[in-house]
Every structure is written in structure tokens, then in C-alpha cells.
Amino acid sequence: MKTYLGVEFGSTRIKAVAIDGQHKPVSSGDYTWKSTYENGIWTYHLDDVWAGIQDAYANMAADVKTKYGVTLTKLAGIGISALLHGYLPLDKDGNQ
């Protein structure tokens, strides 16, 4: 079965959802986070971005293992949705 991953960086959670080839959700995982107000800007710390995506994916993959008894090792595609709240400015070297 082809499995696709959707990731949403929301204002309160990072969500990872796996869907099948018929666009039906098969598993999900998330990570709760919140923005901070720094120097007049609502932002998220880059460490939280990385920790959040890893945790949300791990939770989704564990859900696959629990529901279907298989280890997710390959994805057919990935889609990412960015948040509307918060600001993550990065310089040319990828530093926040």
C-alpha cells in the first residue's frame, strides 16, 4: 500500500497524518507546542520545530505499528502545510 505523509505546523500542534492511495487517513501523531512573544514578534524556537516534527512523525509511525503491525519504512510522498501564526525568519545559512 502506498502511504503519503501530511505535516501541518499549526499554531498549537504539529500534526503528522498518513493517508493511503485513496486519500483516507490511516494513522496520525502530533506534538503540542506554543509560540512565544519575543522582541515584538510571535515566534517558535527552531529547536521546537525539529523536536516537534520528529515527535509527531514518531507518534504517527507508532500508530501505524499498533494498528497494522508493520514498521513504516517508506513513503510515496510528503506534503507540508505552514502555520499562519508565528514567524520563523532564517538567514541564508538556515540560522534563525
PDB file of N, CA and C in Angstrom:
ATOM      1  N   MET A   1       0.842  -1.173   0.000  1.00  0.00           N
ATOM      2  CA  MET A   1       0.000   0.000   0.000  1.00  0.00           C
ATOM      3  C   MET A   1       0.893   1.244   0.000  1.00  0.00           C
ATOM      4  N   LYS A   2       0.624   2.161  -0.899  1.00  0.00           N
ATOM      5  CA  LYS A   2       1.338   3.437  -0.893  1.00  0.00           C
ATOM      6  C   LYS A   2       0.810   4.291   0.241  1.00  0.00           C
ATOM      7  N   THR A   3       1.739   4.910   0.957  1.00  0.00           N
ATOM      8  CA  THR A   3       1.393   5.759   2.086  1.00  0.00           C
ATOM      9  C   THR A   3       2.006   7.136   1.876  1.00  0.00           C
ATOM     10  N   TYR A   4       1.199   8.151   2.119  1.00  0.00           N
ATOM     11  CA  TYR A   4       1.624   9.537   1.965  1.00  0.00           C
ATOM     12  C   TYR A   4       1.575  10.216   3.327  1.00  0.00           C
ATOM     13  N   LEU A   5       2.481  11.148   3.550  1.00  0.00           N
ATOM     14  CA  LEU A   5       2.550  11.857   4.819  1.00  0.00           C
ATOM     15  C   LEU A   5       2.175  13.314   4.633  1.00  0.00           C
ATOM     16  N   GLY A   6       1.264  13.785   5.455  1.00  0.00           N
ATOM     17  CA  GLY A   6       0.930  15.198   5.514  1.00  0.00           C
ATOM     18  C   GLY A   6       1.369  15.751   6.856  1.00  0.00           C
ATOM     19  N   VAL A   7       2.039  16.890   6.845  1.00  0.00           N
ATOM     20  CA  VAL A   7       2.501  17.524   8.080  1.00  0.00           C
ATOM     21  C   VAL A   7       1.937  18.933   8.126  1.00  0.00           C
ATOM     22  N   GLU A   8       1.341  19.274   9.258  1.00  0.00           N
ATOM     23  CA  GLU A   8       0.852  20.632   9.436  1.00  0.00           C
ATOM     24  C   GLU A   8       1.527  21.249  10.653  1.00  0.00           C
ATOM     25  N   PHE A   9       2.148  22.382  10.447  1.00  0.00           N
ATOM     26  CA  PHE A   9       2.716  23.168  11.531  1.00  0.00           C
ATOM     27  C   PHE A   9       1.645  24.165  11.958  1.00  0.00           C
ATOM     28  N   GLY A  10       0.798  23.755  12.897  1.00  0.00           N
ATOM     29  CA  GLY A  10      -0.296  24.597  13.363  1.00  0.00           C
ATOM     30  C   GLY A  10       0.149  25.510  14.486  1.00  0.00           C
ATOM     31  N   SER A  11      -0.755  26.331  14.926  1.00  0.00           N
ATOM     32  CA  SER A  11      -0.407  27.305  15.958  1.00  0.00           C
ATOM     33  C   SER A  11      -0.268  26.667  17.338  1.00  0.00           C
ATOM     34  N   THR A  12      -0.902  25.510  17.568  1.00  0.00           N
ATOM     35  CA  THR A  12      -0.806  24.850  18.876  1.00  0.00           C
ATOM     36  C   THR A  12      -0.262  23.426  18.802  1.00  0.00           C
ATOM     37  N   ARG A  13      -0.251  22.850  17.602  1.00  0.00           N
ATOM     38  CA  ARG A  13       0.254  21.484  17.444  1.00  0.00           C
ATOM     39  C   ARG A  13       0.922  21.326  16.082  1.00  0.00           C
ATOM     40  N   ILE A  14       1.875  20.418  16.044  1.00  0.00           N
ATOM     41  CA  ILE A  14       2.402  19.918  14.777  1.00  0.00           C
ATOM     42  C   ILE A  14       1.731  18.575  14.584  1.00  0.00           C
ATOM     43  N   LYS A  15       1.093  18.383  13.438  1.00  0.00           N
ATOM     44  CA  LYS A  15       0.366  17.153  13.187  1.00  0.00           C
ATOM     45  C   LYS A  15       0.985  16.408  12.013  1.00  0.00           C
ATOM     46  N   ALA A  16       1.123  15.094  12.160  1.00  0.00           N
ATOM     47  CA  ALA A  16       1.586  14.217  11.091  1.00  0.00           C
ATOM     48  C   ALA A  16       0.475  13.209  10.825  1.00  0.00           C
ATOM     49  N   VAL A  17       0.002  13.147   9.583  1.00  0.00           N
ATOM     50  CA  VAL A  17      -1.092  12.247   9.227  1.00  0.00           C
ATOM     51  C   VAL A  17      -0.676  11.432   8.007  1.00  0.00           C
ATOM     52  N   ALA A  18      -0.829  10.116   8.111  1.00  0.00           N
ATOM     53  CA  ALA A  18      -0.568   9.234   6.979  1.00  0.00           C
ATOM     54  C   ALA A  18      -1.898   8.928   6.300  1.00  0.00           C
ATOM     55  N   ILE A  19      -1.889   8.985   4.967  1.00  0.00           N
ATOM     56  CA  ILE A  19      -3.078   8.624   4.196  1.00  0.00           C
ATOM     57  C   ILE A  19      -2.697   7.547   3.190  1.00  0.00           C
ATOM     58  N   ASP A  20      -3.718   6.821   2.722  1.00  0.00           N
ATOM     59  CA  ASP A  20      -3.469   5.791   1.723  1.00  0.00           C
ATOM     60  C   ASP A  20      -3.684   6.351   0.318  1.00  0.00           C
ATOM     61  N   GLY A  21      -3.609   5.503  -0.671  1.00  0.00           N
ATOM     62  CA  GLY A  21      -3.753   5.921  -2.063  1.00  0.00           C
ATOM     63  C   GLY A  21      -5.135   6.435  -2.422  1.00  0.00           C
ATOM     64  N   GLN A  22      -6.135   6.164  -1.581  1.00  0.00           N
ATOM     65  CA  GLN A  22      -7.487   6.669  -1.798  1.00  0.00           C
ATOM     66  C   GLN A  22      -7.756   7.914  -0.935  1.00  0.00           C
ATOM     67  N   HIS A  23      -6.689   8.492  -0.395  1.00  0.00           N
ATOM     68  CA  HIS A  23      -6.745   9.715   0.414  1.00  0.00           C
ATOM     69  C   HIS A  23      -7.453   9.543   1.752  1.00  0.00           C
ATOM     70  N   LYS A  24      -7.502   8.310   2.244  1.00  0.00           N
ATOM     71  CA  LYS A  24      -8.131   8.044   3.536  1.00  0.00           C
ATOM     72  C   LYS A  24      -7.063   8.037   4.625  1.00  0.00           C
ATOM     73  N   PRO A  25      -7.303   8.734   5.747  1.00  0.00           N
ATOM     74  CA  PRO A  25      -6.340   8.710   6.851  1.00  0.00           C
ATOM     75  C   PRO A  25      -6.170   7.291   7.399  1.00  0.00           C
ATOM     76  N   VAL A  26      -4.918   6.906   7.621  1.00  0.00           N
ATOM     77  CA  VAL A  26      -4.652   5.581   8.194  1.00  0.00           C
ATOM     78  C   VAL A  26      -3.991   5.677   9.566  1.00  0.00           C
ATOM     79  N   SER A  27      -3.349   6.788   9.873  1.00  0.00           N
ATOM     80  CA  SER A  27      -2.749   6.975  11.193  1.00  0.00           C
ATOM     81  C   SER A  27      -2.384   8.452  11.373  1.00  0.00           C
ATOM     82  N   SER A  28      -2.140   8.807  12.642  1.00  0.00           N
ATOM     83  CA  SER A  28      -1.751  10.191  12.908  1.00  0.00           C
ATOM     84  C   SER A  28      -0.944  10.273  14.193  1.00  0.00           C
ATOM     85  N   GLY A  29      -0.249  11.378  14.336  1.00  0.00           N
ATOM     86  CA  GLY A  29       0.508  11.677  15.543  1.00  0.00           C
ATOM     87  C   GLY A  29       0.657  13.175  15.640  1.00  0.00           C
ATOM     88  N   ASP A  30       0.939  13.669  16.835  1.00  0.00           N
ATOM     89  CA  ASP A  30       1.083  15.107  16.962  1.00  0.00           C
ATOM     90  C   ASP A  30       2.083  15.474  18.052  1.00  0.00           C
ATOM     91  N   TYR A  31       2.325  16.757  18.149  1.00  0.00           N
ATOM     92  CA  TYR A  31       3.239  17.334  19.128  1.00  0.00           C
ATOM     93  C   TYR A  31       2.658  18.688  19.509  1.00  0.00           C
ATOM     94  N   THR A  32       2.453  18.908  20.791  1.00  0.00           N
ATOM     95  CA  THR A  32       1.896  20.176  21.260  1.00  0.00           C
ATOM     96  C   THR A  32       3.024  21.181  21.477  1.00  0.00           C
ATOM     97  N   TRP A  33       2.801  22.392  20.977  1.00  0.00           N
ATOM     98  CA  TRP A  33       3.769  23.454  21.168  1.00  0.00           C
ATOM     99  C   TRP A  33       3.040  24.782  21.286  1.00  0.00           C
ATOM    100  N   LYS A  34       3.766  25.831  21.611  1.00  0.00           N
ATOM    101  CA  LYS A  34       3.156  27.154  21.623  1.00  0.00           C
ATOM    102  C   LYS A  34       4.205  28.191  21.256  1.00  0.00           C
ATOM    103  N   SER A  35       3.708  29.277  20.723  1.00  0.00           N
ATOM    104  CA  SER A  35       4.592  30.370  20.325  1.00  0.00           C
ATOM    105  C   SER A  35       4.985  31.189  21.549  1.00  0.00           C
ATOM    106  N   THR A  36       6.039  31.972  21.367  1.00  0.00           N
ATOM    107  CA  THR A  36       6.467  32.903  22.401  1.00  0.00           C
ATOM    108  C   THR A  36       6.547  34.297  21.779  1.00  0.00           C
ATOM    109  N   TYR A  37       6.317  35.295  22.597  1.00  0.00           N
ATOM    110  CA  TYR A  37       6.365  36.674  22.139  1.00  0.00           C
ATOM    111  C   TYR A  37       7.736  37.236  22.502  1.00  0.00           C
ATOM    112  N   GLU A  38       8.571  37.438  21.487  1.00  0.00           N
ATOM    113  CA  GLU A  38       9.940  37.906  21.717  1.00  0.00           C
ATOM    114  C   GLU A  38      10.250  39.088  20.809  1.00  0.00           C
ATOM    115  N   ASN A  39      10.735  40.134  21.409  1.00  0.00           N
ATOM    116  CA  ASN A  39      11.138  41.327  20.650  1.00  0.00           C
ATOM    117  C   ASN A  39      10.024  41.838  19.739  1.00  0.00           C
ATOM    118  N   GLY A  40       8.788  41.776  20.241  1.00  0.00           N
ATOM    119  CA  GLY A  40       7.660  42.283  19.478  1.00  0.00           C
ATOM    120  C   GLY A  40       7.163  41.356  18.385  1.00  0.00           C
ATOM    121  N   ILE A  41       7.613  40.101  18.380  1.00  0.00           N
ATOM    122  CA  ILE A  41       7.241  39.147  17.331  1.00  0.00           C
ATOM    123  C   ILE A  41       6.807  37.831  17.978  1.00  0.00           C
ATOM    124  N   TRP A  42       5.693  37.286  17.507  1.00  0.00           N
ATOM    125  CA  TRP A  42       5.309  35.942  17.925  1.00  0.00           C
ATOM    126  C   TRP A  42       6.137  34.958  17.108  1.00  0.00           C
ATOM    127  N   THR A  43       6.811  34.037  17.774  1.00  0.00           N
ATOM    128  CA  THR A  43       7.715  33.129  17.081  1.00  0.00           C
ATOM    129  C   THR A  43       7.733  31.757  17.740  1.00  0.00           C
ATOM    130  N   TYR A  44       8.380  30.829  17.102  1.00  0.00           N
ATOM    131  CA  TYR A  44       8.626  29.490  17.628  1.00  0.00           C
ATOM    132  C   TYR A  44      10.124  29.256  17.582  1.00  0.00           C
ATOM    133  N   HIS A  45      10.652  28.557  18.546  1.00  0.00           N
ATOM    134  CA  HIS A  45      12.072  28.259  18.553  1.00  0.00           C
ATOM    135  C   HIS A  45      12.370  27.138  17.571  1.00  0.00           C
ATOM    136  N   LEU A  46      13.456  27.282  16.844  1.00  0.00           N
ATOM    137  CA  LEU A  46      13.818  26.297  15.829  1.00  0.00           C
ATOM    138  C   LEU A  46      14.025  24.908  16.438  1.00  0.00           C
ATOM    139  N   ASP A  47      14.550  24.843  17.653  1.00  0.00           N
ATOM    140  CA  ASP A  47      14.694  23.544  18.327  1.00  0.00           C
ATOM    141  C   ASP A  47      13.337  22.872  18.502  1.00  0.00           C
ATOM    142  N   ASP A  48      12.291  23.669  18.769  1.00  0.00           N
ATOM    143  CA  ASP A  48      10.946  23.117  18.911  1.00  0.00           C
ATOM    144  C   ASP A  48      10.400  22.619  17.574  1.00  0.00           C
ATOM    145  N   VAL A  49      10.760  23.279  16.490  1.00  0.00           N
ATOM    146  CA  VAL A  49      10.340  22.834  15.164  1.00  0.00           C
ATOM    147  C   VAL A  49      10.883  21.422  14.910  1.00  0.00           C
ATOM    148  N   TRP A  50      12.183  21.248  15.122  1.00  0.00           N
ATOM    149  CA  TRP A  50      12.805  19.947  14.865  1.00  0.00           C
ATOM    150  C   TRP A  50      12.314  18.873  15.832  1.00  0.00           C
ATOM    151  N   ALA A  51      12.229  19.220  17.108  1.00  0.00           N
ATOM    152  CA  ALA A  51      11.719  18.252  18.093  1.00  0.00           C
ATOM    153  C   ALA A  51      10.276  17.889  17.770  1.00  0.00           C
ATOM    154  N   GLY A  52       9.490  18.883  17.379  1.00  0.00           N
ATOM    155  CA  GLY A  52       8.084  18.651  17.085  1.00  0.00           C
ATOM    156  C   GLY A  52       7.851  17.770  15.885  1.00  0.00           C
ATOM    157  N   ILE A  53       8.562  18.004  14.797  1.00  0.00           N
ATOM    158  CA  ILE A  53       8.366  17.178  13.598  1.00  0.00           C
ATOM    159  C   ILE A  53       8.808  15.749  13.873  1.00  0.00           C
ATOM    160  N   GLN A  54       9.903  15.593  14.621  1.00  0.00           N
ATOM    161  CA  GLN A  54      10.372  14.243  14.945  1.00  0.00           C
ATOM    162  C   GLN A  54       9.386  13.513  15.848  1.00  0.00           C
ATOM    163  N   ASP A  55       8.858  14.207  16.840  1.00  0.00           N
ATOM    164  CA  ASP A  55       7.923  13.594  17.771  1.00  0.00           C
ATOM    165  C   ASP A  55       6.594  13.270  17.089  1.00  0.00           C
ATOM    166  N   ALA A  56       6.072  14.193  16.295  1.00  0.00           N
ATOM    167  CA  ALA A  56       4.811  13.953  15.587  1.00  0.00           C
ATOM    168  C   ALA A  56       4.947  12.762  14.641  1.00  0.00           C
ATOM    169  N   TYR A  57       6.068  12.697  13.904  1.00  0.00           N
ATOM    170  CA  TYR A  57       6.298  11.563  12.994  1.00  0.00           C
ATOM    171  C   TYR A  57       6.424  10.256  13.781  1.00  0.00           C
ATOM    172  N   ALA A  58       7.191  10.274  14.861  1.00  0.00           N
ATOM    173  CA  ALA A  58       7.364   9.060  15.674  1.00  0.00           C
ATOM    174  C   ALA A  58       6.027   8.582  16.227  1.00  0.00           C
ATOM    175  N   ASN A  59       5.184   9.505  16.666  1.00  0.00           N
ATOM    176  CA  ASN A  59       3.862   9.131  17.170  1.00  0.00           C
ATOM    177  C   ASN A  59       2.992   8.547  16.065  1.00  0.00           C
ATOM    178  N   MET A  60       3.055   9.125  14.868  1.00  0.00           N
ATOM    179  CA  MET A  60       2.292   8.606  13.732  1.00  0.00           C
ATOM    180  C   MET A  60       2.794   7.221  13.344  1.00  0.00           C
ATOM    181  N   ALA A  61       4.126   7.045  13.286  1.00  0.00           N
ATOM    182  CA  ALA A  61       4.703   5.745  12.921  1.00  0.00           C
ATOM    183  C   ALA A  61       4.360   4.679  13.969  1.00  0.00           C
ATOM    184  N   ALA A  62       4.340   5.063  15.238  1.00  0.00           N
ATOM    185  CA  ALA A  62       3.946   4.130  16.301  1.00  0.00           C
ATOM    186  C   ALA A  62       2.483   3.744  16.142  1.00  0.00           C
ATOM    187  N   ASP A  63       1.650   4.681  15.709  1.00  0.00           N
ATOM    188  CA  ASP A  63       0.241   4.396  15.461  1.00  0.00           C
ATOM    189  C   ASP A  63       0.093   3.380  14.328  1.00  0.00           C
ATOM    190  N   VAL A  64       0.910   3.514  13.281  1.00  0.00           N
ATOM    191  CA  VAL A  64       0.905   2.535  12.184  1.00  0.00           C
ATOM    192  C   VAL A  64       1.264   1.156  12.721  1.00  0.00           C
ATOM    193  N   LYS A  65       2.307   1.094  13.527  1.00  0.00           N
ATOM    194  CA  LYS A  65       2.758  -0.177  14.099  1.00  0.00           C
ATOM    195  C   LYS A  65       1.659  -0.822  14.952  1.00  0.00           C
ATOM    196  N   THR A  66       1.001  -0.007  15.784  1.00  0.00           N
ATOM    197  CA  THR A  66      -0.064  -0.514  16.658  1.00  0.00           C
ATOM    198  C   THR A  66      -1.261  -1.005  15.849  1.00  0.00           C
ATOM    199  N   LYS A  67      -1.697  -0.213  14.879  1.00  0.00           N
ATOM    200  CA  LYS A  67      -2.903  -0.547  14.117  1.00  0.00           C
ATOM    201  C   LYS A  67      -2.704  -1.676  13.108  1.00  0.00           C
ATOM    202  N   TYR A  68      -1.528  -1.701  12.451  1.00  0.00           N
ATOM    203  CA  TYR A  68      -1.342  -2.615  11.322  1.00  0.00           C
ATOM    204  C   TYR A  68      -0.231  -3.645  11.525  1.00  0.00           C
ATOM    205  N   GLY A  69       0.533  -3.499  12.606  1.00  0.00           N
ATOM    206  CA  GLY A  69       1.597  -4.457  12.888  1.00  0.00           C
ATOM    207  C   GLY A  69       2.773  -4.387  11.940  1.00  0.00           C
ATOM    208  N   VAL A  70       2.954  -3.250  11.285  1.00  0.00           N
ATOM    209  CA  VAL A  70       4.074  -3.076  10.367  1.00  0.00           C
ATOM    210  C   VAL A  70       4.877  -1.837  10.755  1.00  0.00           C
ATOM    211  N   THR A  71       6.134  -1.840  10.393  1.00  0.00           N
ATOM    212  CA  THR A  71       7.002  -0.692  10.609  1.00  0.00           C
ATOM    213  C   THR A  71       7.019   0.142   9.339  1.00  0.00           C
ATOM    214  N   LEU A  72       6.700   1.403   9.459  1.00  0.00           N
ATOM    215  CA  LEU A  72       6.697   2.308   8.313  1.00  0.00           C
ATOM    216  C   LEU A  72       8.142   2.612   7.925  1.00  0.00           C
ATOM    217  N   THR A  73       8.522   2.228   6.721  1.00  0.00           N
ATOM    218  CA  THR A  73       9.905   2.439   6.274  1.00  0.00           C
ATOM    219  C   THR A  73      10.000   3.270   5.004  1.00  0.00           C
ATOM    220  N   LYS A  74       8.874   3.487   4.335  1.00  0.00           N
ATOM    221  CA  LYS A  74       8.912   4.178   3.049  1.00  0.00           C
ATOM    222  C   LYS A  74       7.629   4.961   2.845  1.00  0.00           C
ATOM    223  N   LEU A  75       7.756   6.153   2.290  1.00  0.00           N
ATOM    224  CA  LEU A  75       6.603   6.989   1.966  1.00  0.00           C
ATOM    225  C   LEU A  75       6.576   7.262   0.473  1.00  0.00           C
ATOM    226  N   ALA A  76       5.382   7.355  -0.086  1.00  0.00           N
ATOM    227  CA  ALA A  76       5.241   7.654  -1.508  1.00  0.00           C
ATOM    228  C   ALA A  76       5.307   9.150  -1.780  1.00  0.00           C
ATOM    229  N   GLY A  77       5.056   9.955  -0.760  1.00  0.00           N
ATOM    230  CA  GLY A  77       5.097  11.406  -0.924  1.00  0.00           C
ATOM    231  C   GLY A  77       4.879  12.109   0.400  1.00  0.00           C
ATOM    232  N   ILE A  78       5.233  13.388   0.418  1.00  0.00           N
ATOM    233  CA  ILE A  78       5.098  14.196   1.621  1.00  0.00           C
ATOM    234  C   ILE A  78       4.545  15.569   1.231  1.00  0.00           C
ATOM    235  N   GLY A  79       3.596  16.059   2.030  1.00  0.00           N
ATOM    236  CA  GLY A  79       3.066  17.409   1.859  1.00  0.00           C
ATOM    237  C   GLY A  79       3.204  18.151   3.178  1.00  0.00           C
ATOM    238  N   ILE A  80       3.528  19.433   3.115  1.00  0.00           N
ATOM    239  CA  ILE A  80       3.718  20.230   4.320  1.00  0.00           C
ATOM    240  C   ILE A  80       2.858  21.484   4.244  1.00  0.00           C
ATOM    241  N   SER A  81       2.151  21.759   5.335  1.00  0.00           N
ATOM    242  CA  SER A  81       1.334  22.957   5.458  1.00  0.00           C
ATOM    243  C   SER A  81       1.960  23.850   6.522  1.00  0.00           C
ATOM    244  N   ALA A  82       2.159  25.114   6.180  1.00  0.00           N
ATOM    245  CA  ALA A  82       2.791  26.043   7.122  1.00  0.00           C
ATOM    246  C   ALA A  82       1.751  26.713   7.992  1.00  0.00           C
ATOM    247  N   LEU A  83       2.188  27.187   9.133  1.00  0.00           N
ATOM    248  CA  LEU A  83       1.304  27.840  10.078  1.00  0.00           C
ATOM    249  C   LEU A  83       0.993  29.266   9.661  1.00  0.00           C
ATOM    250  N   LEU A  84      -0.084  29.768  10.204  1.00  0.00           N
ATOM    251  CA  LEU A  84      -0.471  31.150   9.922  1.00  0.00           C
ATOM    252  C   LEU A  84      -0.011  32.099  11.004  1.00  0.00           C
ATOM    253  N   HIS A  85       0.265  31.578  12.198  1.00  0.00           N
ATOM    254  CA  HIS A  85       0.660  32.419  13.328  1.00  0.00           C
ATOM    255  C   HIS A  85       2.109  32.113  13.680  1.00  0.00           C
ATOM    256  N   GLY A  86       2.853  33.131  13.963  1.00  0.00           N
ATOM    257  CA  GLY A  86       4.253  32.941  14.310  1.00  0.00           C
ATOM    258  C   GLY A  86       5.144  33.250  13.127  1.00  0.00           C
ATOM    259  N   TYR A  87       6.375  33.451  13.421  1.00  0.00           N
ATOM    260  CA  TYR A  87       7.314  33.906  12.412  1.00  0.00           C
ATOM    261  C   TYR A  87       8.629  33.203  12.651  1.00  0.00           C
ATOM    262  N   LEU A  88       9.169  32.551  11.634  1.00  0.00           N
ATOM    263  CA  LEU A  88      10.440  31.841  11.740  1.00  0.00           C
ATOM    264  C   LEU A  88      11.409  32.371  10.687  1.00  0.00           C
ATOM    265  N   PRO A  89      11.951  33.558  10.883  1.00  0.00           N
ATOM    266  CA  PRO A  89      12.891  34.086   9.903  1.00  0.00           C
ATOM    267  C   PRO A  89      14.225  33.331   9.985  1.00  0.00           C
ATOM    268  N   LEU A  90      14.750  32.976   8.819  1.00  0.00           N
ATOM    269  CA  LEU A  90      16.036  32.265   8.741  1.00  0.00           C
ATOM    270  C   LEU A  90      16.976  33.043   7.828  1.00  0.00           C
ATOM    271  N   ASP A  91      18.257  33.034   8.161  1.00  0.00           N
ATOM    272  CA  ASP A  91      19.230  33.695   7.305  1.00  0.00           C
ATOM    273  C   ASP A  91      19.654  32.749   6.175  1.00  0.00           C
ATOM    274  N   LYS A  92      20.573  33.172   5.335  1.00  0.00           N
ATOM    275  CA  LYS A  92      20.979  32.376   4.180  1.00  0.00           C
ATOM    276  C   LYS A  92      21.623  31.054   4.549  1.00  0.00           C
ATOM    277  N   ASP A  93      22.098  30.925   5.813  1.00  0.00           N
ATOM    278  CA  ASP A  93      22.702  29.695   6.269  1.00  0.00           C
ATOM    279  C   ASP A  93      21.726  28.806   7.044  1.00  0.00           C
ATOM    280  N   GLY A  94      20.455  29.221   7.106  1.00  0.00           N
ATOM    281  CA  GLY A  94      19.439  28.443   7.795  1.00  0.00           C
ATOM    282  C   GLY A  94      19.389  28.672   9.292  1.00  0.00           C
ATOM    283  N   ASN A  95      20.058  29.723   9.762  1.00  0.00           N
ATOM    284  CA  ASN A  95      20.026  30.048  11.185  1.00  0.00           C
ATOM    285  C   ASN A  95      18.870  30.996  11.485  1.00  0.00           C
ATOM    286  N   GLN A  96      18.218  30.764  12.620  1.00  0.00           N
ATOM    287  CA  GLN A  96      17.073  31.575  12.989  1.00  0.00           C
ATOM    288  C   GLN A  96      17.508  32.976  13.391  1.00  0.00           C
TER     289      GLN A  96
END
